[in-house]
Amino acid sequence: MKYFSLTTRIAVLAAALIFWLSPAALHAQQPVSSSVQLPLAGKVFVPLSDGSFDGVPLSGFVHVFAQVRTPSPFAPADPYRIQINLDSVSGVGDVTGLLYQGTGAFRINLPTAPVDPINVSFDLLVAGLPPNPIAPSDPFIPSGPPIVPLDISFLFNFGPFGDTAPGIFIQSISVPVP
């Protein structure tokens, strides 16, 4: 009967433990997820062709899904995953009476928990905009294309160790002025 050296036996035992325990370790480190529907309410100002601004009180929801995976050799290198969708975001311009609809989605994977706000640009579609040229001319139309950018700044708090479901806050909403 042949005996193996102590080093060989330890290496075989370690390989066996890794083989049997790895699936359990992978299943034990389930991701922490958070799915939140945040109300979005605020007024943005869309530039008009005559140099004035159309005040648009927006309302609707923002759906935010965030997931944190515990860092390990088996987990992806970007354990923080965030997906944001606009849901029924709309408003009517104070000056023009036009309907504005917010649309879009955003996804980002990060290697560490975000400390600073994440600024996301969505589309604010000007619905019911008359065709160009307009007769008679009307100076109260949004300047530029019928889609303007809608910028929303989000703040995430993943806990003191960066491993818990985040607290999510909308810090600001705006339409950038060209």
Protein backbone atom coordinates (compact mmCIF):
# COMPACT_ATOMS: atom_id res chain seq x y z
CA MET A 1 0.00 0.00 0.00
CA LYS A 2 1.40 3.35 -1.04
CA TYR A 3 1.19 6.38 1.29
CA PHE A 4 1.03 10.00 0.14
CA SER A 5 3.15 12.71 1.67
CA LEU A 6 1.61 15.11 4.17
CA THR A 7 1.80 17.98 1.66
CA THR A 8 -0.05 15.96 -1.00
CA ARG A 9 -2.77 14.94 1.47
CA ILE A 10 -3.29 18.56 2.59
CA ALA A 11 -3.47 19.76 -1.02
CA VAL A 12 -6.04 17.06 -1.92
CA LEU A 13 -8.09 17.87 1.19
CA ALA A 14 -8.01 21.62 0.42
CA ALA A 15 -9.08 21.00 -3.21
CA ALA A 16 -11.93 18.78 -2.03
CA LEU A 17 -13.11 21.41 0.48
CA ILE A 18 -13.04 24.13 -2.18
CA PHE A 19 -14.94 21.89 -4.61
CA TRP A 20 -17.66 21.00 -2.08
CA LEU A 21 -17.95 24.35 -0.33
CA SER A 22 -17.82 26.68 -3.33
CA PRO A 23 -21.45 26.14 -4.44
CA ALA A 24 -22.61 26.66 -0.84
CA ALA A 25 -20.55 29.83 -0.55
CA LEU A 26 -21.98 31.13 -3.81
CA HIS A 27 -25.55 30.45 -2.68
CA ALA A 28 -24.94 31.92 0.77
CA GLN A 29 -23.87 35.28 -0.73
CA GLN A 30 -27.18 36.24 -2.29
CA PRO A 31 -27.35 39.81 -3.58
CA VAL A 32 -29.19 42.44 -1.55
CA SER A 33 -31.78 44.12 -3.77
CA SER A 34 -34.03 47.12 -3.43
CA SER A 35 -36.86 48.08 -5.77
CA VAL A 36 -38.35 51.49 -5.02
CA GLN A 37 -41.00 53.62 -6.73
CA LEU A 38 -40.15 57.24 -5.88
CA PRO A 39 -42.61 60.08 -6.48
CA LEU A 40 -41.22 62.73 -8.80
CA ALA A 41 -42.65 66.21 -8.36
CA GLY A 42 -41.06 69.51 -9.26
CA LYS A 43 -41.08 72.36 -11.72
CA VAL A 44 -38.64 72.63 -14.61
CA PHE A 45 -38.23 75.54 -17.02
CA VAL A 46 -38.06 74.78 -20.76
CA PRO A 47 -36.52 77.54 -22.94
CA LEU A 48 -38.90 78.97 -25.55
CA SER A 49 -38.07 80.42 -28.98
CA ASP A 50 -38.77 84.00 -27.83
CA GLY A 51 -36.19 83.76 -25.01
CA SER A 52 -38.71 83.21 -22.21
CA PHE A 53 -39.30 79.96 -20.32
CA ASP A 54 -42.22 77.56 -20.11
CA GLY A 55 -42.68 76.48 -16.49
CA VAL A 56 -43.61 72.80 -16.45
CA PRO A 57 -44.76 71.26 -13.15
CA LEU A 58 -43.80 67.59 -13.52
CA SER A 59 -45.35 64.70 -11.67
CA GLY A 60 -45.03 60.95 -11.92
CA PHE A 61 -42.72 58.27 -10.58
CA VAL A 62 -39.17 57.06 -10.89
CA HIS A 63 -38.60 53.32 -10.51
CA VAL A 64 -35.16 52.53 -9.07
CA PHE A 65 -33.77 49.01 -8.79
CA ALA A 66 -30.46 48.68 -6.94
CA GLN A 67 -28.52 45.53 -6.19
CA VAL A 68 -25.42 44.88 -4.11
CA ARG A 69 -23.42 41.66 -4.33
CA THR A 70 -20.98 40.78 -1.58
CA PRO A 71 -17.48 41.04 -3.07
CA SER A 72 -15.82 37.66 -3.45
CA PRO A 73 -13.65 35.85 -5.99
CA PHE A 74 -16.85 34.40 -7.48
CA ALA A 75 -18.85 37.65 -7.73
CA PRO A 76 -18.59 40.16 -10.58
CA ALA A 77 -16.01 42.94 -10.31
CA ASP A 78 -18.80 45.55 -10.33
CA PRO A 79 -21.04 44.55 -7.40
CA TYR A 80 -23.17 47.73 -7.37
CA ARG A 81 -25.87 47.66 -10.05
CA ILE A 82 -28.42 50.43 -10.49
CA GLN A 83 -31.29 50.66 -12.97
CA ILE A 84 -33.60 53.70 -13.20
CA ASN A 85 -36.81 54.08 -15.28
CA LEU A 86 -39.23 56.97 -15.58
CA ASP A 87 -42.88 56.01 -15.02
CA SER A 88 -45.76 58.27 -16.12
CA VAL A 89 -43.72 61.48 -15.78
CA SER A 90 -45.55 64.37 -17.42
CA GLY A 91 -46.60 68.00 -17.06
CA VAL A 92 -48.31 70.85 -18.91
CA GLY A 93 -46.46 74.07 -19.75
CA ASP A 94 -47.69 77.21 -17.94
CA VAL A 95 -47.17 79.45 -21.01
CA THR A 96 -47.72 77.14 -24.00
CA GLY A 97 -50.22 74.64 -22.62
CA LEU A 98 -48.18 71.90 -24.33
CA LEU A 99 -47.93 68.45 -22.79
CA TYR A 100 -44.40 67.34 -21.84
CA GLN A 101 -43.68 63.62 -21.22
CA GLY A 102 -40.56 62.26 -19.54
CA THR A 103 -39.20 59.04 -21.00
CA GLY A 104 -36.11 56.90 -20.67
CA ALA A 105 -34.13 54.37 -18.70
CA PHE A 106 -30.62 54.29 -17.26
CA ARG A 107 -28.37 51.47 -16.05
CA ILE A 108 -24.94 51.56 -14.44
CA ASN A 109 -22.65 49.00 -12.81
CA LEU A 110 -20.12 50.34 -10.32
CA PRO A 111 -17.08 48.81 -8.57
CA THR A 112 -17.80 50.71 -5.31
CA ALA A 113 -20.79 52.34 -3.63
CA PRO A 114 -21.43 55.80 -5.08
CA VAL A 115 -20.62 58.56 -2.61
CA ASP A 116 -21.46 61.53 -4.82
CA PRO A 117 -24.84 62.06 -6.52
CA ILE A 118 -25.41 60.28 -9.82
CA ASN A 119 -26.62 62.69 -12.51
CA VAL A 120 -28.82 61.09 -15.17
CA SER A 121 -30.21 62.67 -18.33
CA PHE A 122 -33.59 61.49 -19.65
CA ASP A 123 -35.74 62.76 -22.52
CA LEU A 124 -38.54 65.27 -22.04
CA LEU A 125 -40.71 64.88 -25.15
CA VAL A 126 -42.79 67.86 -26.23
CA ALA A 127 -46.06 66.13 -27.21
CA GLY A 128 -48.48 67.85 -29.59
CA LEU A 129 -45.89 70.26 -30.98
CA PRO A 130 -47.25 71.76 -34.24
CA PRO A 131 -45.28 71.07 -37.44
CA ASN A 132 -42.71 73.54 -38.68
CA PRO A 133 -43.31 76.08 -40.22
CA ILE A 134 -46.19 77.34 -38.14
CA ALA A 135 -48.66 79.73 -39.77
CA PRO A 136 -49.27 82.20 -38.33
CA SER A 137 -45.99 82.23 -36.50
CA ASP A 138 -46.23 81.62 -32.76
CA PRO A 139 -43.24 82.72 -30.67
CA PHE A 140 -44.29 80.51 -27.77
CA ILE A 141 -42.81 77.20 -28.83
CA PRO A 142 -39.90 75.35 -27.24
CA SER A 143 -36.61 76.27 -28.88
CA GLY A 144 -34.67 73.46 -30.49
CA PRO A 145 -35.83 69.91 -31.23
CA PRO A 146 -39.09 68.47 -29.82
CA ILE A 147 -37.07 66.52 -27.23
CA VAL A 148 -35.25 68.38 -24.47
CA PRO A 149 -32.96 66.80 -21.87
CA LEU A 150 -34.39 66.25 -18.39
CA ASP A 151 -31.58 65.99 -15.81
CA ILE A 152 -32.25 64.24 -12.50
CA SER A 153 -29.69 63.93 -9.72
CA PHE A 154 -29.96 60.86 -7.45
CA LEU A 155 -28.29 60.28 -4.10
CA PHE A 156 -27.74 56.69 -2.90
CA ASN A 157 -26.90 55.55 0.62
CA PHE A 158 -25.73 51.92 0.70
CA GLY A 159 -25.13 51.88 4.46
CA PRO A 160 -21.91 52.31 6.44
CA PHE A 161 -20.29 49.22 4.90
CA GLY A 162 -21.78 49.58 1.42
CA ASP A 163 -23.53 46.24 1.67
CA THR A 164 -27.17 47.02 2.45
CA ALA A 165 -30.17 47.93 0.34
CA PRO A 166 -29.79 51.62 -0.43
CA GLY A 167 -31.73 54.61 0.66
CA ILE A 168 -32.51 56.51 -2.55
CA PHE A 169 -33.23 60.22 -2.80
CA ILE A 170 -33.96 62.59 -5.68
CA GLN A 171 -31.68 65.57 -5.12
CA SER A 172 -32.72 67.79 -8.06
CA ILE A 173 -34.50 67.92 -11.41
CA SER A 174 -33.85 70.45 -14.18
CA VAL A 175 -33.77 71.17 -17.89
CA PRO A 176 -30.35 72.51 -18.93
CA VAL A 177 -30.36 75.85 -20.72
CA PRO A 178 -28.46 75.75 -24.05
